[in-house]
Amino acid sequence: MNDPASVQLTYSDAPLCIAGRRHQVLMAVKAPNIVVLGGFLDEDACRSLIDLARPRMKRSSVVHHAEGVRIDDTRTSSGCHFRRGEVALVADIELHIAELSGIPPENGEGLQVLHYLPSQHYVPHWDYFPPESPSSADIVRPENGGQRIATFIAYLNTVPFGGETEFPRAGVKVAAVQGNACFFSYRTADGQLDPLTLHSGNAVVDGEKWIAVKWLREGRYPE
C-alpha cells in the first residue's frame, strides 16, 4: 500500500492493467502530478450513474476560506453526494479508484456527481484546504481525515465544445470525454502542497457536462 500522504503516480505510455482492468494512459505529467486514463468507466456505468444522480441534484456550493460554505458565481454547476458504498455502482467505482491510487476507500469523501449546463463553470481553485486559513484547522483535523491529498475525476459524457479541466499554471487541459478519468495529487516530492494544481472547470460552450469527483484525504474520512 502506498503512503497516502506522499502518493505520486507515474505511469509509462503502455496500457495500465490493475485488478484485471485495462486502461490506456493518455497523459502523464510529473509537475504537477497528473494522470489521464482512457476507459475508466464504460458507457453503461456512466449512464447509470447519471440516472442515479439526476433526481438528487442541487446548486453546488463552495467552501470559502473566510466565510465558510456558501453559494456564489464562482461555481455555477449543480451536484449531489453519495455516501461511501451507498449503491453497488458507487462502491465499485470507489474500489477501482483505490486500486489505481493506492489510497484506501475509507480515505475518500463521498462520491460527488456534478452537472454543468452551457456557460456554467468553476473558476480556478485548489482542492486542498489552504493551511494559512484559520477555518482550515478544523476541516483538516486527523479525526476528520486530515488534509485532502488528491482528486479523481471521471467524465460521464463527452462535451462537444468547452468544459475542459484546465491547469493554467501547468499549461494542461483535459477534455471531457465519456469514460476517461483524470487523477491529480497535490503533494510535491518534499511533501509540500503543490500550487501548480490550481485548476478550473471551464465553461461548457456546447452541450452539457456530467462528471463524478472523488476527493481523497490523508487518513480515514468519517461518514
C-alpha atoms as a PDB file:
ATOM      1  CA  MET A   1       0.000   0.000   0.000  1.00  0.00           C
ATOM      2  CA  ASN A   2       1.353   3.446  -0.919  1.00  0.00           C
ATOM      3  CA  ASP A   3       1.670   6.104   1.785  1.00  0.00           C
ATOM      4  CA  PRO A   4      -1.367   8.285   1.018  1.00  0.00           C
ATOM      5  CA  ALA A   5       0.379  11.408   2.260  1.00  0.00           C
ATOM      6  CA  SER A   6       3.104  11.122  -0.372  1.00  0.00           C
ATOM      7  CA  VAL A   7       1.417   9.344  -3.269  1.00  0.00           C
ATOM      8  CA  GLN A   8       2.936  10.258  -6.635  1.00  0.00           C
ATOM      9  CA  LEU A   9       1.542   8.238  -9.525  1.00  0.00           C
ATOM     10  CA  THR A  10       3.790   7.919 -12.566  1.00  0.00           C
ATOM     11  CA  TYR A  11       2.974   5.592 -15.424  1.00  0.00           C
ATOM     12  CA  SER A  12       4.560   4.762 -18.734  1.00  0.00           C
ATOM     13  CA  ASP A  13       2.737   5.216 -22.028  1.00  0.00           C
ATOM     14  CA  ALA A  14       1.898   1.489 -22.059  1.00  0.00           C
ATOM     15  CA  PRO A  15      -1.598   0.260 -21.183  1.00  0.00           C
ATOM     16  CA  LEU A  16      -2.158   0.072 -17.444  1.00  0.00           C
ATOM     17  CA  CYS A  17      -3.635  -3.131 -16.012  1.00  0.00           C
ATOM     18  CA  ILE A  18      -4.908  -3.017 -12.428  1.00  0.00           C
ATOM     19  CA  ALA A  19      -7.029  -5.738 -10.809  1.00  0.00           C
ATOM     20  CA  GLY A  20      -7.801  -7.261 -14.188  1.00  0.00           C
ATOM     21  CA  ARG A  21      -8.961  -3.966 -15.731  1.00  0.00           C
ATOM     22  CA  ARG A  22      -7.103  -2.384 -18.624  1.00  0.00           C
ATOM     23  CA  HIS A  23      -6.729   1.359 -19.201  1.00  0.00           C
ATOM     24  CA  GLN A  24      -4.805   3.458 -21.679  1.00  0.00           C
ATOM     25  CA  VAL A  25      -2.568   6.156 -20.202  1.00  0.00           C
ATOM     26  CA  LEU A  26      -3.453   9.188 -22.317  1.00  0.00           C
ATOM     27  CA  MET A  27      -1.313  11.722 -20.441  1.00  0.00           C
ATOM     28  CA  ALA A  28       1.169  11.629 -17.568  1.00  0.00           C
ATOM     29  CA  VAL A  29       2.593  14.861 -16.142  1.00  0.00           C
ATOM     30  CA  LYS A  30       5.097  14.912 -13.280  1.00  0.00           C
ATOM     31  CA  ALA A  31       4.834  18.554 -12.150  1.00  0.00           C
ATOM     32  CA  PRO A  32       2.121  18.772 -11.092  1.00  0.00           C
ATOM     33  CA  ASN A  33       1.350  15.077 -10.848  1.00  0.00           C
ATOM     34  CA  ILE A  34      -1.486  14.492 -13.358  1.00  0.00           C
ATOM     35  CA  VAL A  35      -2.510  11.201 -14.960  1.00  0.00           C
ATOM     36  CA  VAL A  36      -5.283  10.926 -17.573  1.00  0.00           C
ATOM     37  CA  LEU A  37      -6.697   7.460 -18.229  1.00  0.00           C
ATOM     38  CA  GLY A  38      -8.854   6.185 -21.045  1.00  0.00           C
ATOM     39  CA  GLY A  39     -11.607   3.644 -20.406  1.00  0.00           C
ATOM     40  CA  PHE A  40     -12.031   4.091 -16.664  1.00  0.00           C
ATOM     41  CA  LEU A  41     -15.822   3.651 -16.966  1.00  0.00           C
ATOM     42  CA  ASP A  42     -17.884   2.091 -19.732  1.00  0.00           C
ATOM     43  CA  GLU A  43     -20.903   3.786 -21.315  1.00  0.00           C
ATOM     44  CA  ASP A  44     -23.449   1.835 -19.274  1.00  0.00           C
ATOM     45  CA  ALA A  45     -21.796   2.769 -15.972  1.00  0.00           C
ATOM     46  CA  CYS A  46     -21.661   6.437 -16.992  1.00  0.00           C
ATOM     47  CA  ARG A  47     -25.339   6.494 -17.917  1.00  0.00           C
ATOM     48  CA  SER A  48     -26.367   4.596 -14.792  1.00  0.00           C
ATOM     49  CA  LEU A  49     -24.516   6.998 -12.506  1.00  0.00           C
ATOM     50  CA  ILE A  50     -26.128   9.996 -14.210  1.00  0.00           C
ATOM     51  CA  ASP A  51     -29.566   8.396 -13.817  1.00  0.00           C
ATOM     52  CA  LEU A  52     -28.917   7.804 -10.110  1.00  0.00           C
ATOM     53  CA  ALA A  53     -27.764  11.376  -9.566  1.00  0.00           C
ATOM     54  CA  ARG A  54     -30.256  13.298 -11.687  1.00  0.00           C
ATOM     55  CA  PRO A  55     -33.171  13.441  -9.160  1.00  0.00           C
ATOM     56  CA  ARG A  56     -30.805  14.480  -6.328  1.00  0.00           C
ATOM     57  CA  MET A  57     -29.136  17.490  -7.951  1.00  0.00           C
ATOM     58  CA  LYS A  58     -28.909  20.820  -6.099  1.00  0.00           C
ATOM     59  CA  ARG A  59     -26.973  24.019  -6.747  1.00  0.00           C
ATOM     60  CA  SER A  60     -23.289  23.499  -5.950  1.00  0.00           C
ATOM     61  CA  SER A  61     -21.662  25.327  -3.057  1.00  0.00           C
ATOM     62  CA  VAL A  62     -18.054  26.263  -2.323  1.00  0.00           C
ATOM     63  CA  VAL A  63     -16.000  26.258   0.878  1.00  0.00           C
ATOM     64  CA  HIS A  64     -14.734  29.825   1.236  1.00  0.00           C
ATOM     65  CA  HIS A  65     -11.691  30.131   3.481  1.00  0.00           C
ATOM     66  CA  ALA A  66     -13.104  33.164   5.302  1.00  0.00           C
ATOM     67  CA  GLU A  67     -16.868  32.743   5.097  1.00  0.00           C
ATOM     68  CA  GLY A  68     -17.468  29.001   5.254  1.00  0.00           C
ATOM     69  CA  VAL A  69     -19.751  27.119   2.857  1.00  0.00           C
ATOM     70  CA  ARG A  70     -21.666  29.375   0.504  1.00  0.00           C
ATOM     71  CA  ILE A  71     -23.273  29.548  -2.958  1.00  0.00           C
ATOM     72  CA  ASP A  72     -21.823  32.073  -5.404  1.00  0.00           C
ATOM     73  CA  ASP A  73     -20.985  32.637  -9.055  1.00  0.00           C
ATOM     74  CA  THR A  74     -17.500  31.138  -8.813  1.00  0.00           C
ATOM     75  CA  ARG A  75     -19.134  27.701  -9.130  1.00  0.00           C
ATOM     76  CA  THR A  76     -22.372  27.513 -11.110  1.00  0.00           C
ATOM     77  CA  SER A  77     -22.927  23.778 -11.518  1.00  0.00           C
ATOM     78  CA  SER A  78     -25.407  21.559  -9.715  1.00  0.00           C
ATOM     79  CA  GLY A  79     -24.378  18.467  -7.793  1.00  0.00           C
ATOM     80  CA  CYS A  80     -25.133  15.689  -5.336  1.00  0.00           C
ATOM     81  CA  HIS A  81     -23.186  13.418  -2.977  1.00  0.00           C
ATOM     82  CA  PHE A  82     -23.367   9.672  -2.468  1.00  0.00           C
ATOM     83  CA  ARG A  83     -22.342   8.049   0.786  1.00  0.00           C
ATOM     84  CA  ARG A  84     -19.380   5.708   0.503  1.00  0.00           C
ATOM     85  CA  GLY A  85     -20.627   2.411  -0.885  1.00  0.00           C
ATOM     86  CA  GLU A  86     -24.214   3.683  -0.955  1.00  0.00           C
ATOM     87  CA  VAL A  87     -25.065   1.580  -4.011  1.00  0.00           C
ATOM     88  CA  ALA A  88     -23.147  -1.173  -5.783  1.00  0.00           C
ATOM     89  CA  LEU A  89     -22.067   1.040  -8.693  1.00  0.00           C
ATOM     90  CA  VAL A  90     -20.652   3.697  -6.378  1.00  0.00           C
ATOM     91  CA  ALA A  91     -18.868   1.054  -4.291  1.00  0.00           C
ATOM     92  CA  ASP A  92     -17.309  -0.437  -7.440  1.00  0.00           C
ATOM     93  CA  ILE A  93     -16.081   2.960  -8.635  1.00  0.00           C
ATOM     94  CA  GLU A  94     -14.609   3.725  -5.212  1.00  0.00           C
ATOM     95  CA  LEU A  95     -12.843   0.371  -5.083  1.00  0.00           C
ATOM     96  CA  HIS A  96     -11.314   0.863  -8.504  1.00  0.00           C
ATOM     97  CA  ILE A  97     -10.094   4.359  -7.608  1.00  0.00           C
ATOM     98  CA  ALA A  98      -8.437   2.813  -4.551  1.00  0.00           C
ATOM     99  CA  GLU A  99      -6.821   0.104  -6.687  1.00  0.00           C
ATOM    100  CA  LEU A 100      -5.410   2.706  -9.064  1.00  0.00           C
ATOM    101  CA  SER A 101      -4.227   5.225  -6.481  1.00  0.00           C
ATOM    102  CA  GLY A 102      -3.202   3.027  -3.556  1.00  0.00           C
ATOM    103  CA  ILE A 103      -5.372   5.221  -1.311  1.00  0.00           C
ATOM    104  CA  PRO A 104      -7.933   3.101   0.601  1.00  0.00           C
ATOM    105  CA  PRO A 105     -11.652   3.721   0.022  1.00  0.00           C
ATOM    106  CA  GLU A 106     -12.192   4.875   3.604  1.00  0.00           C
ATOM    107  CA  ASN A 107      -9.858   7.828   2.965  1.00  0.00           C
ATOM    108  CA  GLY A 108     -12.230   9.149   0.327  1.00  0.00           C
ATOM    109  CA  GLU A 109     -15.000  11.669   0.736  1.00  0.00           C
ATOM    110  CA  GLY A 110     -18.369  10.653  -0.668  1.00  0.00           C
ATOM    111  CA  LEU A 111     -18.513  10.481  -4.461  1.00  0.00           C
ATOM    112  CA  GLN A 112     -19.894  13.727  -5.884  1.00  0.00           C
ATOM    113  CA  VAL A 113     -21.649  13.942  -9.260  1.00  0.00           C
ATOM    114  CA  LEU A 114     -21.671  17.375 -10.927  1.00  0.00           C
ATOM    115  CA  HIS A 115     -23.715  18.686 -13.849  1.00  0.00           C
ATOM    116  CA  TYR A 116     -22.801  21.734 -15.949  1.00  0.00           C
ATOM    117  CA  LEU A 117     -25.157  23.350 -18.481  1.00  0.00           C
ATOM    118  CA  PRO A 118     -23.973  25.753 -21.206  1.00  0.00           C
ATOM    119  CA  SER A 119     -21.960  28.679 -19.756  1.00  0.00           C
ATOM    120  CA  GLN A 120     -21.686  27.000 -16.331  1.00  0.00           C
ATOM    121  CA  HIS A 121     -18.176  26.720 -14.902  1.00  0.00           C
ATOM    122  CA  TYR A 122     -15.928  26.610 -11.836  1.00  0.00           C
ATOM    123  CA  VAL A 123     -13.258  29.318 -11.614  1.00  0.00           C
ATOM    124  CA  PRO A 124      -9.591  28.393 -10.951  1.00  0.00           C
ATOM    125  CA  HIS A 125      -9.213  26.962  -7.447  1.00  0.00           C
ATOM    126  CA  TRP A 126      -7.291  24.462  -5.336  1.00  0.00           C
ATOM    127  CA  ASP A 127      -8.995  21.363  -3.943  1.00  0.00           C
ATOM    128  CA  TYR A 128      -6.819  21.292  -0.829  1.00  0.00           C
ATOM    129  CA  PHE A 129      -7.707  23.459   2.160  1.00  0.00           C
ATOM    130  CA  PRO A 130      -5.346  26.452   2.443  1.00  0.00           C
ATOM    131  CA  PRO A 131      -3.141  25.947   5.521  1.00  0.00           C
ATOM    132  CA  GLU A 132      -2.914  29.699   6.076  1.00  0.00           C
ATOM    133  CA  SER A 133      -6.677  29.921   6.612  1.00  0.00           C
ATOM    134  CA  PRO A 134      -7.913  29.669  10.230  1.00  0.00           C
ATOM    135  CA  SER A 135     -11.051  27.880   9.020  1.00  0.00           C
ATOM    136  CA  SER A 136      -8.951  25.021   7.621  1.00  0.00           C
ATOM    137  CA  ALA A 137      -7.768  23.927  11.062  1.00  0.00           C
ATOM    138  CA  ASP A 138     -10.994  22.131  11.984  1.00  0.00           C
ATOM    139  CA  ILE A 139     -11.522  20.713   8.486  1.00  0.00           C
ATOM    140  CA  VAL A 140      -8.112  19.006   8.374  1.00  0.00           C
ATOM    141  CA  ARG A 141      -8.053  17.607  11.921  1.00  0.00           C
ATOM    142  CA  PRO A 142      -6.908  13.947  11.960  1.00  0.00           C
ATOM    143  CA  GLU A 143     -10.320  12.737  13.137  1.00  0.00           C
ATOM    144  CA  ASN A 144     -11.811  14.446  10.061  1.00  0.00           C
ATOM    145  CA  GLY A 145      -9.429  12.693   7.677  1.00  0.00           C
ATOM    146  CA  GLY A 146      -6.705  15.308   7.578  1.00  0.00           C
ATOM    147  CA  GLN A 147      -5.831  17.338   4.507  1.00  0.00           C
ATOM    148  CA  ARG A 148      -7.047  16.466   1.017  1.00  0.00           C
ATOM    149  CA  ILE A 149      -4.161  14.999  -0.964  1.00  0.00           C
ATOM    150  CA  ALA A 150      -5.616  14.061  -4.365  1.00  0.00           C
ATOM    151  CA  THR A 151      -8.597  14.353  -6.698  1.00  0.00           C
ATOM    152  CA  PHE A 152     -10.036  11.770  -9.087  1.00  0.00           C
ATOM    153  CA  ILE A 153     -12.432  12.964 -11.820  1.00  0.00           C
ATOM    154  CA  ALA A 154     -14.405  10.593 -14.065  1.00  0.00           C
ATOM    155  CA  TYR A 155     -16.059  12.087 -17.145  1.00  0.00           C
ATOM    156  CA  LEU A 156     -19.568  10.697 -17.615  1.00  0.00           C
ATOM    157  CA  ASN A 157     -20.307  12.205 -21.034  1.00  0.00           C
ATOM    158  CA  THR A 158     -18.443  13.830 -23.909  1.00  0.00           C
ATOM    159  CA  VAL A 159     -18.695  17.614 -24.148  1.00  0.00           C
ATOM    160  CA  PRO A 160     -18.696  18.775 -27.791  1.00  0.00           C
ATOM    161  CA  PHE A 161     -17.023  22.100 -27.006  1.00  0.00           C
ATOM    162  CA  GLY A 162     -15.707  23.543 -23.741  1.00  0.00           C
ATOM    163  CA  GLY A 163     -15.916  22.030 -20.279  1.00  0.00           C
ATOM    164  CA  GLU A 164     -12.244  21.086 -20.007  1.00  0.00           C
ATOM    165  CA  THR A 165     -10.435  20.621 -16.711  1.00  0.00           C
ATOM    166  CA  GLU A 166      -7.656  23.167 -17.074  1.00  0.00           C
ATOM    167  CA  PHE A 167      -4.453  23.589 -15.043  1.00  0.00           C
ATOM    168  CA  PRO A 168      -3.449  27.143 -16.048  1.00  0.00           C
ATOM    169  CA  ARG A 169      -0.125  27.195 -14.177  1.00  0.00           C
ATOM    170  CA  ALA A 170       0.918  23.917 -15.787  1.00  0.00           C
ATOM    171  CA  GLY A 171      -0.371  24.609 -19.312  1.00  0.00           C
ATOM    172  CA  VAL A 172      -2.527  21.457 -19.252  1.00  0.00           C
ATOM    173  CA  LYS A 173      -6.113  20.980 -20.449  1.00  0.00           C
ATOM    174  CA  VAL A 174      -8.049  17.725 -20.091  1.00  0.00           C
ATOM    175  CA  ALA A 175     -11.028  17.320 -22.416  1.00  0.00           C
ATOM    176  CA  ALA A 176     -14.285  15.903 -21.068  1.00  0.00           C
ATOM    177  CA  VAL A 177     -14.561  12.562 -22.879  1.00  0.00           C
ATOM    178  CA  GLN A 178     -17.001   9.900 -21.715  1.00  0.00           C
ATOM    179  CA  GLY A 179     -15.325   7.147 -19.698  1.00  0.00           C
ATOM    180  CA  ASN A 180     -11.989   8.900 -19.287  1.00  0.00           C
ATOM    181  CA  ALA A 181     -10.594   9.906 -15.908  1.00  0.00           C
ATOM    182  CA  CYS A 182      -8.134  12.466 -14.537  1.00  0.00           C
ATOM    183  CA  PHE A 183      -6.150  11.915 -11.327  1.00  0.00           C
ATOM    184  CA  PHE A 184      -4.015  14.620  -9.752  1.00  0.00           C
ATOM    185  CA  SER A 185      -2.280  14.818  -6.379  1.00  0.00           C
ATOM    186  CA  TYR A 186      -1.276  17.944  -4.516  1.00  0.00           C
ATOM    187  CA  ARG A 187       1.970  16.982  -2.785  1.00  0.00           C
ATOM    188  CA  THR A 188       5.402  17.813  -4.151  1.00  0.00           C
ATOM    189  CA  ALA A 189       8.361  15.460  -3.703  1.00  0.00           C
ATOM    190  CA  ASP A 190       9.280  17.227  -0.443  1.00  0.00           C
ATOM    191  CA  GLY A 191       5.730  16.873   0.932  1.00  0.00           C
ATOM    192  CA  GLN A 192       4.548  20.432   0.345  1.00  0.00           C
ATOM    193  CA  LEU A 193       1.167  21.350  -1.113  1.00  0.00           C
ATOM    194  CA  ASP A 194       1.585  21.988  -4.837  1.00  0.00           C
ATOM    195  CA  PRO A 195       0.240  25.355  -6.098  1.00  0.00           C
ATOM    196  CA  LEU A 196       0.595  24.082  -9.669  1.00  0.00           C
ATOM    197  CA  THR A 197      -2.584  22.041  -9.066  1.00  0.00           C
ATOM    198  CA  LEU A 198      -4.655  25.219  -9.442  1.00  0.00           C
ATOM    199  CA  HIS A 199      -7.399  24.146 -11.849  1.00  0.00           C
ATOM    200  CA  SER A 200     -10.727  25.197 -13.316  1.00  0.00           C
ATOM    201  CA  GLY A 201     -13.810  23.612 -14.775  1.00  0.00           C
ATOM    202  CA  ASN A 202     -14.025  25.610 -17.990  1.00  0.00           C
ATOM    203  CA  ALA A 203     -17.386  26.889 -19.171  1.00  0.00           C
ATOM    204  CA  VAL A 204     -19.412  24.478 -21.272  1.00  0.00           C
ATOM    205  CA  VAL A 205     -19.895  26.057 -24.711  1.00  0.00           C
ATOM    206  CA  ASP A 206     -21.882  23.345 -26.467  1.00  0.00           C
ATOM    207  CA  GLY A 207     -23.848  20.525 -24.830  1.00  0.00           C
ATOM    208  CA  GLU A 208     -23.642  19.704 -21.122  1.00  0.00           C
ATOM    209  CA  LYS A 209     -21.112  18.097 -18.793  1.00  0.00           C
ATOM    210  CA  TRP A 210     -21.520  15.340 -16.213  1.00  0.00           C
ATOM    211  CA  ILE A 211     -18.582  14.308 -14.031  1.00  0.00           C
ATOM    212  CA  ALA A 212     -18.019  12.227 -10.897  1.00  0.00           C
ATOM    213  CA  VAL A 213     -15.445  13.540  -8.417  1.00  0.00           C
ATOM    214  CA  LYS A 214     -13.708  11.797  -5.526  1.00  0.00           C
ATOM    215  CA  TRP A 215     -11.595  13.807  -3.088  1.00  0.00           C
ATOM    216  CA  LEU A 216      -9.020  11.757  -1.194  1.00  0.00           C
ATOM    217  CA  ARG A 217      -7.676  12.520   2.279  1.00  0.00           C
ATOM    218  CA  GLU A 218      -4.567  11.699   4.319  1.00  0.00           C
ATOM    219  CA  GLY A 219      -6.499   9.465   6.688  1.00  0.00           C
ATOM    220  CA  ARG A 220      -9.890   7.879   7.213  1.00  0.00           C
ATOM    221  CA  TYR A 221     -12.704  10.280   6.377  1.00  0.00           C
ATOM    222  CA  PRO A 222     -15.690   9.814   8.709  1.00  0.00           C
ATOM    223  CA  GLU A 223     -19.113   9.109   7.222  1.00  0.00           C
END
